[in-house]
């Protein structure tokens, strides 16, 4: 929407005023279409981050437990998974799944009879990002588990806990408190890594911003907006993780320090 017509709402009026007085073309304010695209991109970035974060934590918890298995082949399988996903770039992993593995899977028909891939680009992005972050989470949780004293594990066994019960009810709660700072860093990195989903046309924040600056020819403005938006998103995540870390701190154990 051009500013030579009546703004449809107060936000658009502010955008037109900024453009008229400061020469800054913030189309995400005065153009409802660009604004909806930008907000949708933020929503997709948050969705990718939350879902990938959830599955990566599950992978980390299960993988760290499996590393202590009595079966050597399970330990080798987990270690191989870690080596592959820690030692390859996340963009390469996204391409591998979306362009490689996707072509090996059967296609499905949609409502109008068109053949579509079994998984969408958004689902492949979540899948690859979860595996990438999960590989790091396994090592993070493992470091926390190793910090739990053996005497604590032996005491749990003496009370009748099984190996799984000891892990879930005794070791894991203590290990999380130890590895929260490292886990915090990995989850922040995961949020930033979601921008790589742009490469397979997932309409996240970077993809939406690119479409906006291509149409509006306001690249410098949108670059600044994009940078500040990521700073805000990461800031919210860091604040939430630090609050969680403080709430779980145990004085005298792990990072338990009064803050």
Foldseek 3Di string as FASTA:
>chain_A
DDPVDDQPDDQLVVQSVCCVPVVANPCLRNPVVLVVLQVVQAVLLVVLLVLLLVLLLVLQLVLLLQCPDPDPVSVVVSVVLLCVLAVDDLLVLLCCVPVPVQVVDAWDADPVGDTDTPDDLSVSLSVSLSSNLSSVSNVLLNVLLVQDDPVQLVVCVVVPADSVRCSPPPRNLRSCLQSLVVNLVSSLVSSVCSVSSVVVPDSHNVVSLVVVCVVVVNVVSSVVVSVVVSVVVSVVSSVVSVVVSQVSADPPGRPRDHD
